[in-house]
Amino acid sequence: MKKNYYISLYSFSIVGFFMSVIYLIIFSLALRSIAEDHGSFAGIPGDGIIGGAMVKLLIGGLGSLFGLRQGMFLLYITFGYMLSIGFWAKPLVTNKTIFDNKA
């Protein structure tokens, strides 16, 4: 039982660390995907903060109705949406990566 406790403790910490960074990545990717009106467009991802708070409430509500495992299934939808942004966004600026052969 103690082994599972430590695995859960460290796993939740690691997942929380990586989830905290994903908002900044999506925000910068969204701003680099439009040519003008950056100021007004910045408010749209800013509303995602409110959405993040609402998702937690929805998970709690679904967890009370159906069980926590079914409530946590809502995270698959939100993470799937973030994954789709990463695949389908077309940034206007191309950054250099470690895989660029030109030095």
N, C-alpha and C. Protein backbone atom coordinates (compact mmCIF):
# COMPACT_ATOMS: atom_id res chain seq x y z
N MET A 1 0.81 -1.19 0.00
CA MET A 1 0.00 0.00 0.00
C MET A 1 0.86 1.26 0.00
N LYS A 2 1.96 1.25 0.74
CA LYS A 2 2.82 2.43 0.77
C LYS A 2 3.45 2.72 -0.58
N LYS A 3 3.77 1.67 -1.33
CA LYS A 3 4.38 1.85 -2.64
C LYS A 3 3.43 2.61 -3.57
N ASN A 4 2.17 2.24 -3.57
CA ASN A 4 1.18 2.93 -4.40
C ASN A 4 1.00 4.38 -3.96
N TYR A 5 1.11 4.63 -2.67
CA TYR A 5 0.99 5.98 -2.16
C TYR A 5 2.08 6.87 -2.74
N TYR A 6 3.31 6.41 -2.72
CA TYR A 6 4.42 7.22 -3.23
C TYR A 6 4.35 7.39 -4.74
N ILE A 7 3.91 6.37 -5.45
CA ILE A 7 3.75 6.50 -6.90
C ILE A 7 2.71 7.57 -7.20
N SER A 8 1.60 7.56 -6.51
CA SER A 8 0.55 8.56 -6.72
C SER A 8 1.04 9.95 -6.35
N LEU A 9 1.75 10.06 -5.25
CA LEU A 9 2.24 11.35 -4.79
C LEU A 9 3.16 12.00 -5.83
N TYR A 10 4.11 11.25 -6.33
CA TYR A 10 5.05 11.79 -7.31
C TYR A 10 4.40 11.96 -8.68
N SER A 11 3.51 11.08 -9.06
CA SER A 11 2.87 11.18 -10.36
C SER A 11 2.00 12.43 -10.46
N PHE A 12 1.21 12.71 -9.43
CA PHE A 12 0.38 13.91 -9.46
C PHE A 12 1.23 15.17 -9.49
N SER A 13 2.35 15.18 -8.81
CA SER A 13 3.23 16.34 -8.83
C SER A 13 3.81 16.56 -10.22
N ILE A 14 4.23 15.50 -10.86
CA ILE A 14 4.82 15.62 -12.20
C ILE A 14 3.77 16.05 -13.22
N VAL A 15 2.60 15.46 -13.16
CA VAL A 15 1.52 15.83 -14.09
C VAL A 15 1.12 17.29 -13.87
N GLY A 16 1.01 17.72 -12.64
CA GLY A 16 0.67 19.11 -12.35
C GLY A 16 1.71 20.08 -12.88
N PHE A 17 2.98 19.71 -12.80
CA PHE A 17 4.04 20.56 -13.34
C PHE A 17 3.87 20.74 -14.84
N PHE A 18 3.65 19.67 -15.57
CA PHE A 18 3.53 19.77 -17.02
C PHE A 18 2.22 20.42 -17.44
N MET A 19 1.16 20.26 -16.67
CA MET A 19 -0.10 20.91 -17.00
C MET A 19 -0.02 22.42 -16.79
N SER A 20 0.81 22.87 -15.87
CA SER A 20 0.93 24.31 -15.63
C SER A 20 1.62 25.02 -16.78
N VAL A 21 2.42 24.32 -17.54
CA VAL A 21 3.17 24.93 -18.64
C VAL A 21 2.34 24.95 -19.92
N ILE A 22 1.39 24.06 -20.07
CA ILE A 22 0.67 23.91 -21.33
C ILE A 22 -0.13 25.16 -21.68
N TYR A 23 -0.63 25.90 -20.69
CA TYR A 23 -1.40 27.11 -20.99
C TYR A 23 -0.53 28.13 -21.71
N LEU A 24 0.69 28.32 -21.26
CA LEU A 24 1.58 29.29 -21.90
C LEU A 24 1.93 28.87 -23.32
N ILE A 25 2.10 27.60 -23.54
CA ILE A 25 2.43 27.11 -24.88
C ILE A 25 1.27 27.36 -25.83
N ILE A 26 0.06 27.06 -25.40
CA ILE A 26 -1.11 27.27 -26.26
C ILE A 26 -1.33 28.76 -26.50
N PHE A 27 -1.14 29.58 -25.49
CA PHE A 27 -1.33 31.02 -25.63
C PHE A 27 -0.35 31.59 -26.66
N SER A 28 0.92 31.23 -26.57
CA SER A 28 1.90 31.76 -27.53
C SER A 28 1.65 31.20 -28.93
N LEU A 29 1.25 29.95 -29.04
CA LEU A 29 0.95 29.37 -30.35
C LEU A 29 -0.24 30.06 -30.98
N ALA A 30 -1.24 30.39 -30.18
CA ALA A 30 -2.42 31.08 -30.71
C ALA A 30 -2.06 32.48 -31.18
N LEU A 31 -1.25 33.21 -30.42
CA LEU A 31 -0.89 34.56 -30.82
C LEU A 31 0.02 34.58 -32.05
N ARG A 32 0.81 33.53 -32.24
CA ARG A 32 1.68 33.47 -33.42
C ARG A 32 0.93 32.99 -34.65
N SER A 33 -0.34 32.61 -34.52
CA SER A 33 -1.09 32.09 -35.64
C SER A 33 -1.96 33.14 -36.32
N ILE A 34 -1.98 34.36 -35.81
CA ILE A 34 -2.77 35.41 -36.45
C ILE A 34 -1.86 36.56 -36.84
N ALA A 35 -2.25 37.30 -37.88
CA ALA A 35 -1.40 38.36 -38.41
C ALA A 35 -1.65 39.71 -37.75
N GLU A 36 -2.88 39.98 -37.30
CA GLU A 36 -3.19 41.29 -36.72
C GLU A 36 -4.22 41.13 -35.60
N ASP A 37 -4.52 42.24 -34.95
CA ASP A 37 -5.47 42.28 -33.83
C ASP A 37 -5.04 41.37 -32.68
N HIS A 38 -3.77 41.43 -32.33
CA HIS A 38 -3.28 40.59 -31.24
C HIS A 38 -3.91 40.95 -29.90
N GLY A 39 -4.18 42.24 -29.69
CA GLY A 39 -4.73 42.66 -28.41
C GLY A 39 -6.11 42.09 -28.15
N SER A 40 -6.99 42.19 -29.14
CA SER A 40 -8.34 41.66 -28.94
C SER A 40 -8.34 40.14 -28.93
N PHE A 41 -7.44 39.55 -29.68
CA PHE A 41 -7.38 38.09 -29.70
C PHE A 41 -6.83 37.52 -28.40
N ALA A 42 -6.00 38.29 -27.70
CA ALA A 42 -5.41 37.81 -26.45
C ALA A 42 -6.46 37.59 -25.38
N GLY A 43 -7.60 38.26 -25.49
CA GLY A 43 -8.67 38.06 -24.52
C GLY A 43 -9.33 36.70 -24.62
N ILE A 44 -9.32 36.12 -25.82
CA ILE A 44 -9.97 34.81 -26.00
C ILE A 44 -9.24 33.72 -25.24
N PRO A 45 -7.92 33.56 -25.41
CA PRO A 45 -7.25 32.55 -24.56
C PRO A 45 -7.26 32.92 -23.08
N GLY A 46 -7.36 34.22 -22.80
CA GLY A 46 -7.46 34.64 -21.40
C GLY A 46 -8.73 34.10 -20.75
N ASP A 47 -9.77 33.94 -21.54
CA ASP A 47 -11.00 33.33 -21.02
C ASP A 47 -10.79 31.86 -20.68
N GLY A 48 -9.74 31.27 -21.20
CA GLY A 48 -9.43 29.88 -20.88
C GLY A 48 -9.13 29.68 -19.40
N ILE A 49 -8.70 30.73 -18.73
CA ILE A 49 -8.46 30.65 -17.29
C ILE A 49 -9.77 30.36 -16.58
N ILE A 50 -10.82 31.06 -17.01
CA ILE A 50 -12.14 30.82 -16.42
C ILE A 50 -12.61 29.41 -16.77
N GLY A 51 -12.34 28.99 -18.00
CA GLY A 51 -12.70 27.63 -18.40
C GLY A 51 -11.99 26.58 -17.57
N GLY A 52 -10.74 26.84 -17.22
CA GLY A 52 -10.00 25.91 -16.38
C GLY A 52 -10.62 25.78 -15.00
N ALA A 53 -11.14 26.88 -14.48
CA ALA A 53 -11.82 26.82 -13.19
C ALA A 53 -13.15 26.08 -13.30
N MET A 54 -13.83 26.25 -14.42
CA MET A 54 -15.12 25.59 -14.61
C MET A 54 -14.96 24.09 -14.79
N VAL A 55 -13.88 23.68 -15.43
CA VAL A 55 -13.65 22.24 -15.64
C VAL A 55 -13.51 21.54 -14.30
N LYS A 56 -12.83 22.17 -13.36
CA LYS A 56 -12.68 21.57 -12.03
C LYS A 56 -14.03 21.40 -11.35
N LEU A 57 -14.89 22.40 -11.50
CA LEU A 57 -16.23 22.28 -10.91
C LEU A 57 -17.04 21.18 -11.60
N LEU A 58 -16.90 21.08 -12.92
CA LEU A 58 -17.61 20.02 -13.65
C LEU A 58 -17.12 18.64 -13.25
N ILE A 59 -15.81 18.51 -13.07
CA ILE A 59 -15.27 17.22 -12.63
C ILE A 59 -15.83 16.85 -11.26
N GLY A 60 -15.89 17.81 -10.37
CA GLY A 60 -16.45 17.55 -9.05
C GLY A 60 -17.92 17.17 -9.11
N GLY A 61 -18.69 17.88 -9.95
CA GLY A 61 -20.10 17.56 -10.09
C GLY A 61 -20.34 16.19 -10.70
N LEU A 62 -19.59 15.90 -11.78
CA LEU A 62 -19.72 14.58 -12.40
C LEU A 62 -19.23 13.49 -11.46
N GLY A 63 -18.20 13.80 -10.68
CA GLY A 63 -17.70 12.83 -9.71
C GLY A 63 -18.72 12.53 -8.63
N SER A 64 -19.49 13.53 -8.24
CA SER A 64 -20.54 13.30 -7.24
C SER A 64 -21.69 12.47 -7.80
N LEU A 65 -21.99 12.70 -9.08
CA LEU A 65 -23.11 11.98 -9.69
C LEU A 65 -22.75 10.56 -10.11
N PHE A 66 -21.61 10.42 -10.77
CA PHE A 66 -21.28 9.13 -11.40
C PHE A 66 -20.07 8.43 -10.81
N GLY A 67 -19.28 9.13 -10.03
CA GLY A 67 -18.04 8.57 -9.50
C GLY A 67 -16.86 9.37 -10.04
N LEU A 68 -15.80 9.42 -9.26
CA LEU A 68 -14.66 10.25 -9.62
C LEU A 68 -13.97 9.78 -10.89
N ARG A 69 -13.92 8.50 -11.13
CA ARG A 69 -13.27 8.00 -12.34
C ARG A 69 -13.99 8.51 -13.59
N GLN A 70 -15.31 8.50 -13.58
CA GLN A 70 -16.07 9.00 -14.71
C GLN A 70 -15.97 10.53 -14.81
N GLY A 71 -15.88 11.20 -13.68
CA GLY A 71 -15.71 12.65 -13.70
C GLY A 71 -14.37 13.06 -14.29
N MET A 72 -13.33 12.30 -13.97
CA MET A 72 -12.00 12.62 -14.49
C MET A 72 -11.90 12.35 -15.99
N PHE A 73 -12.85 11.62 -16.54
CA PHE A 73 -12.86 11.38 -17.99
C PHE A 73 -12.99 12.69 -18.76
N LEU A 74 -13.55 13.71 -18.13
CA LEU A 74 -13.67 15.02 -18.76
C LEU A 74 -12.30 15.58 -19.14
N LEU A 75 -11.27 15.19 -18.41
CA LEU A 75 -9.92 15.66 -18.73
C LEU A 75 -9.46 15.17 -20.10
N TYR A 76 -9.91 13.99 -20.52
CA TYR A 76 -9.54 13.51 -21.85
C TYR A 76 -10.05 14.45 -22.93
N ILE A 77 -11.22 15.02 -22.73
CA ILE A 77 -11.76 15.95 -23.72
C ILE A 77 -10.93 17.22 -23.76
N THR A 78 -10.58 17.77 -22.60
CA THR A 78 -9.81 19.01 -22.59
C THR A 78 -8.38 18.79 -23.10
N PHE A 79 -7.76 17.69 -22.72
CA PHE A 79 -6.41 17.41 -23.23
C PHE A 79 -6.43 17.10 -24.71
N GLY A 80 -7.47 16.46 -25.19
CA GLY A 80 -7.61 16.20 -26.62
C GLY A 80 -7.73 17.49 -27.41
N TYR A 81 -8.44 18.47 -26.85
CA TYR A 81 -8.56 19.77 -27.50
C TYR A 81 -7.20 20.46 -27.57
N MET A 82 -6.45 20.41 -26.49
CA MET A 82 -5.12 21.03 -26.49
C MET A 82 -4.19 20.32 -27.47
N LEU A 83 -4.29 19.02 -27.56
CA LEU A 83 -3.47 18.27 -28.51
C LEU A 83 -3.83 18.64 -29.94
N SER A 84 -5.12 18.84 -30.21
CA SER A 84 -5.53 19.21 -31.57
C SER A 84 -5.00 20.59 -31.95
N ILE A 85 -4.93 21.51 -31.00
CA ILE A 85 -4.36 22.83 -31.28
C ILE A 85 -2.91 22.68 -31.70
N GLY A 86 -2.18 21.84 -31.02
CA GLY A 86 -0.77 21.63 -31.36
C GLY A 86 -0.58 21.06 -32.76
N PHE A 87 -1.50 20.22 -33.20
CA PHE A 87 -1.37 19.62 -34.53
C PHE A 87 -1.86 20.54 -35.64
N TRP A 88 -2.95 21.28 -35.41
CA TRP A 88 -3.58 22.01 -36.50
C TRP A 88 -3.26 23.49 -36.55
N ALA A 89 -2.61 24.05 -35.57
CA ALA A 89 -2.27 25.47 -35.61
C ALA A 89 -1.18 25.70 -36.65
N LYS A 90 -1.30 26.77 -37.37
CA LYS A 90 -0.32 27.13 -38.40
C LYS A 90 0.34 28.46 -38.00
N PRO A 91 1.43 28.41 -37.23
CA PRO A 91 2.07 29.67 -36.81
C PRO A 91 2.67 30.42 -37.99
N LEU A 92 2.64 31.74 -37.90
CA LEU A 92 3.21 32.58 -38.95
C LEU A 92 4.71 32.68 -38.83
N VAL A 93 5.23 32.48 -37.65
CA VAL A 93 6.67 32.55 -37.39
C VAL A 93 7.18 31.14 -37.18
N THR A 94 8.28 30.81 -37.84
CA THR A 94 8.86 29.49 -37.67
C THR A 94 10.10 29.62 -36.80
N ASN A 95 10.11 28.94 -35.69
CA ASN A 95 11.24 28.97 -34.78
C ASN A 95 12.28 27.93 -35.18
N LYS A 96 13.53 28.21 -34.84
CA LYS A 96 14.57 27.22 -35.07
C LYS A 96 14.45 26.12 -34.03
N THR A 97 14.75 24.92 -34.45
CA THR A 97 14.71 23.79 -33.53
C THR A 97 16.05 23.09 -33.54
N ILE A 98 16.20 22.13 -32.67
CA ILE A 98 17.46 21.39 -32.62
C ILE A 98 17.62 20.48 -33.82
N PHE A 99 16.53 20.27 -34.56
CA PHE A 99 16.60 19.39 -35.72
C PHE A 99 16.96 20.13 -37.00
N ASP A 100 17.12 21.47 -36.93
CA ASP A 100 17.55 22.22 -38.11
C ASP A 100 19.00 21.89 -38.41
N ASN A 101 19.29 21.56 -39.65
CA ASN A 101 20.65 21.20 -40.04
C ASN A 101 21.51 22.41 -40.34
N LYS A 102 20.90 23.54 -40.58
CA LYS A 102 21.66 24.75 -40.90
C LYS A 102 22.20 25.36 -39.61
N ALA A 103 23.50 25.56 -39.57
CA ALA A 103 24.11 26.11 -38.36
C ALA A 103 24.41 27.57 -38.50
